Amino acid sequence: MAVRAVLAIPALMLALVTAAPAEDGCCDPAGPFRPGEAYPETLATCETLGHWADRAPQTNDRITLGIEGTVTGVHTDGVMAYLLMCAPEQVQVMCVTYSANDLARGDVVVFGGGYSRVDANHVALDPCLASAREGER
């Protein structure tokens, strides 16, 4: 029993130390970003994403973005599915996933995934989960 406790202490300390940097660089509690793979309670929209993308946490750690909106495009290459959200005049989002799950243009969905700012007008979420908004399907 004492050996387990002794071994557990370094593991606990390591977990606390490795979790701290992601928390330090992340995230506005009112925003759509969360450290690691956690999902935010507040989702971005196509209208607010430009604001949030300009204020994304500056970290090398993984952060997750959550966004709700309408699917504007669905593309597959036989292996991966690429779901698009937001109009070209907005910051567009591409959700990289394994399956489109029968989602189609016009469906209202929630994307959540590993955030990457591609350029001023594009964000990629990879890997990404996409699901129809509750009550939509």
C-alpha atoms as a PDB file:
ATOM      1  CA  MET A   1       0.000   0.000   0.000  1.00  0.00           C
ATOM      2  CA  ALA A   2       2.801   2.454   0.943  1.00  0.00           C
ATOM      3  CA  VAL A   3       4.661   1.638  -2.288  1.00  0.00           C
ATOM      4  CA  ARG A   4       1.589   2.586  -4.349  1.00  0.00           C
ATOM      5  CA  ALA A   5       1.311   5.899  -2.526  1.00  0.00           C
ATOM      6  CA  VAL A   6       4.983   6.660  -3.106  1.00  0.00           C
ATOM      7  CA  LEU A   7       4.651   5.834  -6.816  1.00  0.00           C
ATOM      8  CA  ALA A   8       1.457   7.875  -7.136  1.00  0.00           C
ATOM      9  CA  ILE A   9       3.063  11.095  -5.863  1.00  0.00           C
ATOM     10  CA  PRO A  10       5.475  11.573  -8.826  1.00  0.00           C
ATOM     11  CA  ALA A  11       2.691  10.738 -11.275  1.00  0.00           C
ATOM     12  CA  LEU A  12       0.407  13.315  -9.663  1.00  0.00           C
ATOM     13  CA  MET A  13       3.152  15.949  -9.665  1.00  0.00           C
ATOM     14  CA  LEU A  14       3.923  15.243 -13.325  1.00  0.00           C
ATOM     15  CA  ALA A  15       0.244  15.583 -14.229  1.00  0.00           C
ATOM     16  CA  LEU A  16       0.015  18.933 -12.447  1.00  0.00           C
ATOM     17  CA  VAL A  17       3.185  20.262 -14.067  1.00  0.00           C
ATOM     18  CA  THR A  18       2.258  19.138 -17.582  1.00  0.00           C
ATOM     19  CA  ALA A  19      -1.302  20.504 -17.295  1.00  0.00           C
ATOM     20  CA  ALA A  20      -0.217  23.947 -16.136  1.00  0.00           C
ATOM     21  CA  PRO A  21       1.240  25.358 -19.408  1.00  0.00           C
ATOM     22  CA  ALA A  22      -1.963  24.693 -21.377  1.00  0.00           C
ATOM     23  CA  GLU A  23      -4.007  26.408 -18.706  1.00  0.00           C
ATOM     24  CA  ASP A  24      -1.648  29.416 -18.545  1.00  0.00           C
ATOM     25  CA  GLY A  25      -1.963  30.152 -22.277  1.00  0.00           C
ATOM     26  CA  CYS A  26      -5.598  29.246 -22.518  1.00  0.00           C
ATOM     27  CA  CYS A  27      -8.513  30.254 -22.514  1.00  0.00           C
ATOM     28  CA  ASP A  28     -11.063  33.025 -22.070  1.00  0.00           C
ATOM     29  CA  PRO A  29     -13.864  31.357 -20.082  1.00  0.00           C
ATOM     30  CA  ALA A  30     -16.430  33.259 -22.166  1.00  0.00           C
ATOM     31  CA  GLY A  31     -14.851  32.087 -25.418  1.00  0.00           C
ATOM     32  CA  PRO A  32     -15.078  29.067 -27.723  1.00  0.00           C
ATOM     33  CA  PHE A  33     -11.584  27.690 -26.986  1.00  0.00           C
ATOM     34  CA  ARG A  34     -10.568  25.086 -24.418  1.00  0.00           C
ATOM     35  CA  PRO A  35      -7.239  23.410 -23.686  1.00  0.00           C
ATOM     36  CA  GLY A  36      -6.631  19.927 -25.020  1.00  0.00           C
ATOM     37  CA  GLU A  37      -9.719  18.081 -26.127  1.00  0.00           C
ATOM     38  CA  ALA A  38     -12.193  19.733 -23.755  1.00  0.00           C
ATOM     39  CA  TYR A  39     -15.276  21.269 -25.347  1.00  0.00           C
ATOM     40  CA  PRO A  40     -16.333  24.822 -24.553  1.00  0.00           C
ATOM     41  CA  GLU A  41     -19.761  25.667 -23.235  1.00  0.00           C
ATOM     42  CA  THR A  42     -19.837  28.813 -25.373  1.00  0.00           C
ATOM     43  CA  LEU A  43     -19.646  28.112 -29.105  1.00  0.00           C
ATOM     44  CA  ALA A  44     -18.409  30.488 -31.773  1.00  0.00           C
ATOM     45  CA  THR A  45     -20.624  31.248 -34.767  1.00  0.00           C
ATOM     46  CA  CYS A  46     -19.709  32.344 -38.273  1.00  0.00           C
ATOM     47  CA  GLU A  47     -20.491  35.900 -37.171  1.00  0.00           C
ATOM     48  CA  THR A  48     -18.205  35.772 -34.105  1.00  0.00           C
ATOM     49  CA  LEU A  49     -15.396  33.541 -35.365  1.00  0.00           C
ATOM     50  CA  GLY A  50     -13.367  36.406 -36.866  1.00  0.00           C
ATOM     51  CA  HIS A  51     -13.297  38.096 -33.472  1.00  0.00           C
ATOM     52  CA  TRP A  52     -12.326  34.911 -31.644  1.00  0.00           C
ATOM     53  CA  ALA A  53      -9.774  33.720 -34.222  1.00  0.00           C
ATOM     54  CA  ASP A  54      -7.898  37.011 -33.827  1.00  0.00           C
ATOM     55  CA  ARG A  55      -7.805  36.340 -30.084  1.00  0.00           C
ATOM     56  CA  ALA A  56      -6.947  32.639 -30.151  1.00  0.00           C
ATOM     57  CA  PRO A  57      -4.677  31.498 -27.322  1.00  0.00           C
ATOM     58  CA  GLN A  58      -1.008  31.757 -28.234  1.00  0.00           C
ATOM     59  CA  THR A  59       0.243  28.321 -27.279  1.00  0.00           C
ATOM     60  CA  ASN A  60       1.983  25.339 -28.804  1.00  0.00           C
ATOM     61  CA  ASP A  61      -0.358  23.075 -26.863  1.00  0.00           C
ATOM     62  CA  ARG A  62      -3.471  21.636 -28.466  1.00  0.00           C
ATOM     63  CA  ILE A  63      -6.569  23.770 -28.141  1.00  0.00           C
ATOM     64  CA  THR A  64     -10.096  22.902 -29.186  1.00  0.00           C
ATOM     65  CA  LEU A  65     -12.516  25.283 -30.883  1.00  0.00           C
ATOM     66  CA  GLY A  66     -16.267  24.742 -30.767  1.00  0.00           C
ATOM     67  CA  ILE A  67     -18.474  26.404 -33.392  1.00  0.00           C
ATOM     68  CA  GLU A  68     -22.111  26.117 -34.434  1.00  0.00           C
ATOM     69  CA  GLY A  69     -23.419  26.991 -37.872  1.00  0.00           C
ATOM     70  CA  THR A  70     -24.681  25.784 -41.210  1.00  0.00           C
ATOM     71  CA  VAL A  71     -22.745  23.374 -43.394  1.00  0.00           C
ATOM     72  CA  THR A  72     -21.762  25.138 -46.623  1.00  0.00           C
ATOM     73  CA  GLY A  73     -19.944  22.252 -48.268  1.00  0.00           C
ATOM     74  CA  VAL A  74     -19.196  18.542 -47.945  1.00  0.00           C
ATOM     75  CA  HIS A  75     -16.278  16.900 -49.749  1.00  0.00           C
ATOM     76  CA  THR A  76     -14.876  13.399 -49.422  1.00  0.00           C
ATOM     77  CA  ASP A  77     -11.867  11.693 -50.946  1.00  0.00           C
ATOM     78  CA  GLY A  78     -12.862   8.152 -50.037  1.00  0.00           C
ATOM     79  CA  VAL A  79     -10.812   8.211 -46.840  1.00  0.00           C
ATOM     80  CA  MET A  80     -11.468  11.571 -45.194  1.00  0.00           C
ATOM     81  CA  ALA A  81     -14.415  13.957 -45.124  1.00  0.00           C
ATOM     82  CA  TYR A  82     -14.018  17.728 -45.277  1.00  0.00           C
ATOM     83  CA  LEU A  83     -16.976  19.694 -43.980  1.00  0.00           C
ATOM     84  CA  LEU A  84     -17.113  23.435 -44.535  1.00  0.00           C
ATOM     85  CA  MET A  85     -18.859  26.131 -42.529  1.00  0.00           C
ATOM     86  CA  CYS A  86     -19.214  29.916 -43.000  1.00  0.00           C
ATOM     87  CA  ALA A  87     -19.346  32.104 -46.110  1.00  0.00           C
ATOM     88  CA  PRO A  88     -16.234  33.142 -48.086  1.00  0.00           C
ATOM     89  CA  GLU A  89     -16.485  36.726 -46.804  1.00  0.00           C
ATOM     90  CA  GLN A  90     -16.209  35.393 -43.238  1.00  0.00           C
ATOM     91  CA  VAL A  91     -13.508  33.278 -41.638  1.00  0.00           C
ATOM     92  CA  GLN A  92     -14.302  29.852 -43.061  1.00  0.00           C
ATOM     93  CA  VAL A  93     -13.925  26.621 -41.086  1.00  0.00           C
ATOM     94  CA  MET A  94     -12.935  23.224 -42.444  1.00  0.00           C
ATOM     95  CA  CYS A  95     -13.672  20.219 -40.238  1.00  0.00           C
ATOM     96  CA  VAL A  96     -11.397  17.275 -41.123  1.00  0.00           C
ATOM     97  CA  THR A  97     -13.020  14.021 -40.070  1.00  0.00           C
ATOM     98  CA  TYR A  98     -13.404  10.386 -41.120  1.00  0.00           C
ATOM     99  CA  SER A  99     -17.064  10.484 -42.065  1.00  0.00           C
ATOM    100  CA  ALA A 100     -19.626  13.070 -43.117  1.00  0.00           C
ATOM    101  CA  ASN A 101     -22.218  11.095 -41.105  1.00  0.00           C
ATOM    102  CA  ASP A 102     -24.904  11.903 -43.681  1.00  0.00           C
ATOM    103  CA  LEU A 103     -24.501  15.638 -43.045  1.00  0.00           C
ATOM    104  CA  ALA A 104     -25.354  17.788 -46.043  1.00  0.00           C
ATOM    105  CA  ARG A 105     -25.190  21.400 -47.137  1.00  0.00           C
ATOM    106  CA  GLY A 106     -27.711  23.414 -45.136  1.00  0.00           C
ATOM    107  CA  ASP A 107     -27.624  21.228 -42.009  1.00  0.00           C
ATOM    108  CA  VAL A 108     -27.106  23.111 -38.731  1.00  0.00           C
ATOM    109  CA  VAL A 109     -24.201  21.465 -36.936  1.00  0.00           C
ATOM    110  CA  VAL A 110     -21.645  21.790 -34.185  1.00  0.00           C
ATOM    111  CA  PHE A 111     -17.975  21.300 -35.028  1.00  0.00           C
ATOM    112  CA  GLY A 112     -15.403  20.683 -32.331  1.00  0.00           C
ATOM    113  CA  GLY A 113     -11.776  19.968 -32.963  1.00  0.00           C
ATOM    114  CA  GLY A 114      -8.084  20.776 -32.846  1.00  0.00           C
ATOM    115  CA  TYR A 115      -7.758  24.434 -33.824  1.00  0.00           C
ATOM    116  CA  SER A 116      -5.314  25.691 -36.427  1.00  0.00           C
ATOM    117  CA  ARG A 117      -5.382  29.116 -38.087  1.00  0.00           C
ATOM    118  CA  VAL A 118      -4.471  28.440 -41.728  1.00  0.00           C
ATOM    119  CA  ASP A 119      -4.510  32.081 -42.836  1.00  0.00           C
ATOM    120  CA  ALA A 120      -6.509  35.271 -42.242  1.00  0.00           C
ATOM    121  CA  ASN A 121      -9.632  33.765 -43.842  1.00  0.00           C
ATOM    122  CA  HIS A 122      -9.419  30.064 -42.956  1.00  0.00           C
ATOM    123  CA  VAL A 123      -9.430  27.848 -39.875  1.00  0.00           C
ATOM    124  CA  ALA A 124      -8.955  24.080 -39.832  1.00  0.00           C
ATOM    125  CA  LEU A 125     -10.219  21.773 -37.117  1.00  0.00           C
ATOM    126  CA  ASP A 126      -8.251  18.532 -37.267  1.00  0.00           C
ATOM    127  CA  PRO A 127      -9.193  16.091 -35.943  1.00  0.00           C
ATOM    128  CA  CYS A 128     -12.774  17.238 -35.774  1.00  0.00           C
ATOM    129  CA  LEU A 129     -16.118  15.902 -34.657  1.00  0.00           C
ATOM    130  CA  ALA A 130     -19.247  17.129 -36.399  1.00  0.00           C
ATOM    131  CA  SER A 131     -22.758  16.527 -35.201  1.00  0.00           C
ATOM    132  CA  ALA A 132     -26.196  17.802 -36.076  1.00  0.00           C
ATOM    133  CA  ARG A 133     -27.563  20.266 -33.558  1.00  0.00           C
ATOM    134  CA  GLU A 134     -29.922  18.667 -31.053  1.00  0.00           C
ATOM    135  CA  GLY A 135     -33.381  18.376 -32.546  1.00  0.00           C
ATOM    136  CA  GLU A 136     -32.132  18.820 -36.131  1.00  0.00           C
ATOM    137  CA  ARG A 137     -32.083  15.110 -36.963  1.00  0.00           C
END
